[in-house]
Amino acid sequence: MNFASIDQYLSETDSRIPPGAVAVLFVEDLAEVSATVAHHVRIGFSHILLIGRLSVDIRVPEGASITRIGEPVRSRGDAVAILNTLIDRFNGRWLYWGFNAEFLFYPYMESRTITDLTTFMVEERRDHVFGYVLDLYASDLDAAGDGVSRKTAHFDGSGYYGFQRYAEGHALDRQFDIFGGLTWRYEEFVPWDRRRIDRIPLFRAVEGLRMNDDLTLNVPEMNTLSCPWHHNVTTAVASFRVAKSLKRNPGSMFEIESFVWRGSTRFEWTSEQLLELGIIEPGQWF
């Protein structure tokens, strides 16, 4: 299925989307588009919305249900605006959102599907899953000048920290601003409002729900790390997006010869690695 714009897509009733969780993937460039689609099909998303102008064909996994929408995505703000137009359309459905060259990771994903996770979260009376953006980067920038290489991907194994989140001078219950990764190490090249790495990548769409410009949701409980009575599952979005940006930005591209430092760890592309490092958590009983 193909649509020229988000308006055309929303104007047409599409009853062919199978039940289950939907992945909304925003395409900013051509980096790892096919790999991004394949990853989210593999972990069990019933349908993929691929949004952005693609100048080349991509490899679509056999049996995958995909809708392509040719709406340009030039910035994070564009993605947020488009996502907000889709929420009411998918009222009651679980939505994941991310960009190309970003990959969702959750506990035990090698043996448990995204449906297993969302079903568990419903039983936990939770409508969202808290997450972190884990910055990936190529270990050799001479071989991968855009900072992207799945074969040699590394990430920061340490150097993460969080602060209690406040609004109008009051602490927000169970909400935190999390920092670390490339946006921390290269903060001089990253605006202050783009340095946080906390994200709500997976949530159940509810009519009237909206994402704010800072990537928080307009329902306070859906920004919380866990429920009041015990710990919940957390996720990670393994992302090359910051590495790409730093190597394309004229102010930083010539200042960075290598992203690797003493805290770098080779990315093994498994949830077990992230569990062992405490980057994601299984909650109480998942």
Protein backbone atom coordinates (compact mmCIF):
# COMPACT_ATOMS: atom_id res chain seq x y z
CA MET A 1 0.00 0.00 0.00
CA ASN A 2 1.31 3.41 -0.98
CA PHE A 3 0.08 6.93 -0.26
CA ALA A 4 1.48 10.23 -1.47
CA SER A 5 0.95 12.08 1.82
CA ILE A 6 -0.25 11.66 5.37
CA ASP A 7 -3.43 13.56 4.49
CA GLN A 8 -4.23 11.10 1.71
CA TYR A 9 -3.60 8.19 4.06
CA LEU A 10 -5.88 9.63 6.76
CA SER A 11 -8.63 10.41 4.26
CA GLU A 12 -8.92 6.79 3.18
CA THR A 13 -10.31 4.02 5.36
CA ASP A 14 -7.78 1.23 5.58
CA SER A 15 -9.32 -1.92 7.01
CA ARG A 16 -6.54 -4.15 5.74
CA ILE A 17 -4.15 -3.48 8.61
CA PRO A 18 -4.03 -6.65 10.70
CA PRO A 19 -4.65 -6.49 14.46
CA GLY A 20 -1.66 -6.06 16.74
CA ALA A 21 1.05 -3.52 17.47
CA VAL A 22 2.01 -1.06 14.72
CA ALA A 23 5.50 0.34 14.13
CA VAL A 24 5.65 3.90 12.79
CA LEU A 25 9.07 4.32 11.19
CA PHE A 26 10.13 7.78 10.03
CA VAL A 27 12.65 7.82 7.19
CA GLU A 28 15.01 10.81 7.19
CA ASP A 29 17.67 9.39 4.87
CA LEU A 30 18.70 6.06 3.31
CA ALA A 31 20.73 4.71 6.24
CA GLU A 32 19.74 1.14 7.15
CA VAL A 33 16.11 1.51 6.06
CA SER A 34 15.76 -2.14 5.03
CA ALA A 35 17.47 -3.34 8.22
CA THR A 36 15.19 -1.16 10.34
CA VAL A 37 12.07 -2.59 8.70
CA ALA A 38 13.34 -6.17 8.95
CA HIS A 39 14.16 -5.79 12.65
CA HIS A 40 10.69 -4.63 13.59
CA VAL A 41 8.99 -7.23 11.43
CA ARG A 42 11.15 -9.89 13.09
CA ILE A 43 10.08 -8.97 16.62
CA GLY A 44 6.45 -9.24 15.71
CA PHE A 45 4.91 -5.92 14.70
CA SER A 46 1.78 -6.72 12.73
CA HIS A 47 2.12 -3.71 10.46
CA ILE A 48 4.77 -1.15 9.53
CA LEU A 49 4.00 2.45 8.58
CA LEU A 50 7.02 3.69 6.66
CA ILE A 51 6.85 7.47 6.41
CA GLY A 52 9.23 9.58 4.33
CA ARG A 53 10.31 10.18 0.76
CA LEU A 54 12.36 7.20 -0.40
CA SER A 55 14.39 7.56 -3.58
CA VAL A 56 15.31 3.87 -3.75
CA ASP A 57 13.47 0.62 -3.23
CA ILE A 58 13.91 -1.24 0.03
CA ARG A 59 13.96 -4.93 0.79
CA VAL A 60 10.63 -5.95 2.31
CA PRO A 61 10.61 -9.18 4.34
CA GLU A 62 8.35 -11.88 2.92
CA GLY A 63 4.89 -11.72 4.42
CA ALA A 64 5.39 -8.28 5.97
CA SER A 65 2.44 -5.88 6.08
CA ILE A 66 3.76 -2.44 5.14
CA THR A 67 2.23 0.89 4.19
CA ARG A 68 4.48 3.51 2.60
CA ILE A 69 3.57 7.18 2.96
CA GLY A 70 5.56 9.70 0.95
CA GLU A 71 5.35 12.53 3.48
CA PRO A 72 8.72 14.30 3.93
CA VAL A 73 10.30 14.05 7.38
CA ARG A 74 12.90 16.80 7.67
CA SER A 75 13.18 17.02 11.44
CA ARG A 76 12.12 15.52 14.75
CA GLY A 77 9.37 18.13 14.85
CA ASP A 78 7.93 16.79 11.59
CA ALA A 79 7.86 13.29 13.07
CA VAL A 80 6.08 14.47 16.21
CA ALA A 81 3.47 16.36 14.20
CA ILE A 82 2.77 13.33 11.99
CA LEU A 83 2.63 10.98 14.97
CA ASN A 84 0.05 13.20 16.64
CA THR A 85 -2.16 13.01 13.56
CA LEU A 86 -2.01 9.20 13.69
CA ILE A 87 -2.82 8.64 17.37
CA ASP A 88 -6.59 9.08 17.08
CA ARG A 89 -6.62 6.90 13.94
CA PHE A 90 -5.10 4.03 15.93
CA ASN A 91 -7.13 4.51 19.09
CA GLY A 92 -6.67 1.43 21.29
CA ARG A 93 -3.71 0.06 19.34
CA TRP A 94 -0.11 -0.11 20.59
CA LEU A 95 2.25 2.11 18.61
CA TYR A 96 6.02 2.11 18.42
CA TRP A 97 7.68 5.12 16.85
CA GLY A 98 11.26 5.65 15.73
CA PHE A 99 13.47 6.64 12.84
CA ASN A 100 15.43 4.66 10.28
CA ALA A 101 18.67 3.24 11.75
CA GLU A 102 16.89 2.91 15.12
CA PHE A 103 16.09 -0.51 16.58
CA LEU A 104 13.78 -1.32 19.51
CA PHE A 105 15.17 -3.66 22.17
CA TYR A 106 13.25 -5.09 25.13
CA PRO A 107 13.93 -7.91 27.62
CA TYR A 108 14.01 -11.45 26.21
CA MET A 109 13.05 -10.24 22.75
CA GLU A 110 14.82 -13.21 21.17
CA SER A 111 12.07 -15.49 22.45
CA ARG A 112 9.18 -13.11 23.16
CA THR A 113 7.30 -11.05 20.60
CA ILE A 114 6.13 -7.47 20.86
CA THR A 115 2.64 -8.88 21.42
CA ASP A 116 3.93 -10.73 24.48
CA LEU A 117 5.28 -7.45 25.82
CA THR A 118 2.17 -5.35 25.14
CA THR A 119 -0.12 -8.04 26.54
CA PHE A 120 1.96 -8.12 29.71
CA MET A 121 1.86 -4.33 30.02
CA VAL A 122 -1.95 -4.33 29.71
CA GLU A 123 -2.09 -6.88 32.51
CA GLU A 124 0.14 -4.53 34.51
CA ARG A 125 -2.39 -1.72 33.90
CA ARG A 126 0.23 0.25 31.97
CA ASP A 127 -0.42 2.04 28.68
CA HIS A 128 3.22 2.75 27.85
CA VAL A 129 6.74 1.38 28.15
CA PHE A 130 9.52 3.72 29.27
CA GLY A 131 12.69 3.68 27.17
CA TYR A 132 16.14 5.10 26.60
CA VAL A 133 17.90 6.01 23.39
CA LEU A 134 21.17 4.07 23.25
CA ASP A 135 23.54 5.86 20.87
CA LEU A 136 25.28 3.47 18.47
CA TYR A 137 28.31 4.45 16.42
CA ALA A 138 30.76 2.87 14.00
CA SER A 139 34.12 2.01 15.53
CA ASP A 140 36.03 3.10 12.41
CA LEU A 141 34.96 6.43 10.91
CA ASP A 142 37.42 6.04 8.05
CA ALA A 143 35.45 2.99 6.90
CA ALA A 144 32.04 4.39 7.84
CA GLY A 145 32.17 8.13 7.38
CA ASP A 146 28.53 8.67 8.31
CA GLY A 147 29.04 6.96 11.67
CA VAL A 148 26.79 4.03 10.76
CA SER A 149 27.94 0.41 10.72
CA ARG A 150 25.91 -2.47 12.08
CA LYS A 151 28.93 -4.79 11.86
CA THR A 152 31.22 -2.61 13.98
CA ALA A 153 28.57 -0.92 16.14
CA HIS A 154 29.66 0.25 19.58
CA PHE A 155 27.92 2.16 22.36
CA ASP A 156 28.83 3.75 25.68
CA GLY A 157 28.75 1.06 28.35
CA SER A 158 28.86 3.67 31.13
CA GLY A 159 28.37 7.38 31.70
CA TYR A 160 24.59 7.58 32.13
CA TYR A 161 22.83 9.65 34.77
CA GLY A 162 19.39 10.99 35.59
CA PHE A 163 17.71 13.84 37.45
CA GLN A 164 14.31 14.18 39.02
CA ARG A 165 12.01 16.00 36.58
CA TYR A 166 10.36 19.20 37.78
CA ALA A 167 7.55 21.40 36.49
CA GLU A 168 6.78 24.83 37.94
CA GLY A 169 9.08 24.11 40.87
CA HIS A 170 7.42 20.82 41.82
CA ALA A 171 8.91 17.33 41.46
CA LEU A 172 6.99 15.15 39.03
CA ASP A 173 6.18 11.74 40.46
CA ARG A 174 8.33 8.95 38.98
CA GLN A 175 9.54 11.12 36.10
CA PHE A 176 13.22 11.60 35.31
CA ASP A 177 15.41 13.35 32.76
CA ILE A 178 18.08 10.91 31.58
CA PHE A 179 21.39 11.84 29.93
CA GLY A 180 24.36 10.00 28.47
CA GLY A 181 25.86 8.63 25.28
CA LEU A 182 27.05 10.81 22.42
CA THR A 183 24.83 13.75 23.36
CA TRP A 184 26.61 13.86 26.71
CA ARG A 185 30.16 13.40 25.42
CA TYR A 186 29.71 15.91 22.58
CA GLU A 187 27.36 18.27 24.34
CA GLU A 188 29.07 21.31 22.84
CA PHE A 189 27.58 20.31 19.47
CA VAL A 190 24.11 19.39 20.77
CA PRO A 191 21.47 21.96 21.84
CA TRP A 192 20.40 21.61 25.46
CA ASP A 193 16.85 20.58 24.56
CA ARG A 194 18.15 17.66 22.46
CA ARG A 195 20.45 16.05 25.05
CA ARG A 196 17.91 13.95 26.97
CA ILE A 197 17.87 10.28 26.04
CA ASP A 198 14.62 9.23 27.75
CA ARG A 199 11.80 8.45 25.35
CA ILE A 200 8.39 6.77 25.42
CA PRO A 201 8.88 4.69 22.26
CA LEU A 202 5.97 2.30 22.80
CA PHE A 203 2.50 3.29 23.98
CA ARG A 204 -1.17 2.52 23.55
CA ALA A 205 -2.88 5.16 21.45
CA VAL A 206 -5.77 6.88 23.20
CA GLU A 207 -8.01 9.51 21.64
CA GLY A 208 -6.73 12.94 22.66
CA LEU A 209 -3.24 11.69 23.56
CA ARG A 210 -0.52 13.87 22.09
CA MET A 211 3.26 13.99 22.10
CA ASN A 212 4.86 17.27 23.11
CA ASP A 213 7.82 18.88 21.35
CA ASP A 214 10.16 17.57 24.09
CA LEU A 215 8.95 13.99 23.40
CA THR A 216 6.91 13.72 26.59
CA LEU A 217 3.24 12.80 26.39
CA ASN A 218 0.38 15.03 27.54
CA VAL A 219 -0.79 12.40 30.05
CA PRO A 220 1.62 12.64 33.02
CA GLU A 221 1.32 8.99 34.04
CA MET A 222 2.50 7.95 30.58
CA ASN A 223 5.85 9.65 31.19
CA THR A 224 6.64 7.68 34.34
CA LEU A 225 9.47 5.19 34.70
CA SER A 226 7.34 2.66 36.60
CA CYS A 227 4.05 2.30 38.42
CA PRO A 228 3.78 3.22 42.13
CA TRP A 229 3.77 -0.34 43.42
CA HIS A 230 6.68 -2.04 41.62
CA HIS A 231 9.23 -1.80 38.81
CA ASN A 232 8.10 -2.20 35.21
CA VAL A 233 9.68 -3.33 31.96
CA THR A 234 11.94 -0.77 30.28
CA THR A 235 13.21 -0.68 26.70
CA ALA A 236 16.06 0.75 24.67
CA VAL A 237 16.09 2.25 21.19
CA ALA A 238 19.51 1.45 19.74
CA SER A 239 20.06 4.41 17.45
CA PHE A 240 22.67 5.64 14.96
CA ARG A 241 20.79 8.94 14.65
CA VAL A 242 23.08 11.10 16.79
CA ALA A 243 26.22 9.63 15.21
CA LYS A 244 24.85 10.50 11.77
CA SER A 245 24.02 14.02 12.88
CA LEU A 246 27.45 14.67 14.42
CA LYS A 247 29.21 13.47 11.26
CA ARG A 248 27.00 15.55 8.97
CA ASN A 249 26.93 18.77 10.97
CA PRO A 250 29.61 21.15 9.58
CA GLY A 251 30.37 22.32 13.11
CA SER A 252 31.30 18.84 14.36
CA MET A 253 32.12 16.63 11.38
CA PHE A 254 35.79 17.61 11.24
CA GLU A 255 36.19 17.80 15.02
CA ILE A 256 35.45 14.10 15.63
CA GLU A 257 38.00 11.59 14.39
CA SER A 258 36.57 8.67 16.37
CA PHE A 259 33.60 8.08 18.65
CA VAL A 260 35.43 5.30 20.49
CA TRP A 261 36.68 6.02 24.01
CA ARG A 262 37.57 4.01 27.12
CA GLY A 263 33.89 3.48 27.92
CA SER A 264 33.02 2.05 24.50
CA THR A 265 31.49 -1.43 24.33
CA ARG A 266 30.89 -3.51 21.23
CA PHE A 267 27.17 -3.87 20.58
CA GLU A 268 26.17 -7.54 20.44
CA TRP A 269 22.62 -6.94 19.14
CA THR A 270 21.09 -8.98 21.98
CA SER A 271 18.74 -8.04 24.78
CA GLU A 272 20.85 -10.13 27.17
CA GLN A 273 23.76 -7.71 26.86
CA LEU A 274 21.54 -4.75 27.73
CA LEU A 275 19.96 -6.63 30.63
CA GLU A 276 23.37 -7.49 32.08
CA LEU A 277 24.42 -3.84 31.91
CA GLY A 278 21.17 -2.69 33.50
CA ILE A 279 20.23 -0.55 30.51
CA ILE A 280 16.88 -2.33 30.21
CA GLU A 281 14.93 -4.07 32.96
CA PRO A 282 12.37 -6.91 32.95
CA GLY A 283 10.28 -5.48 35.77
CA GLN A 284 8.81 -7.83 38.33
CA TRP A 285 7.46 -10.77 36.39
CA PHE A 286 7.93 -10.41 32.62
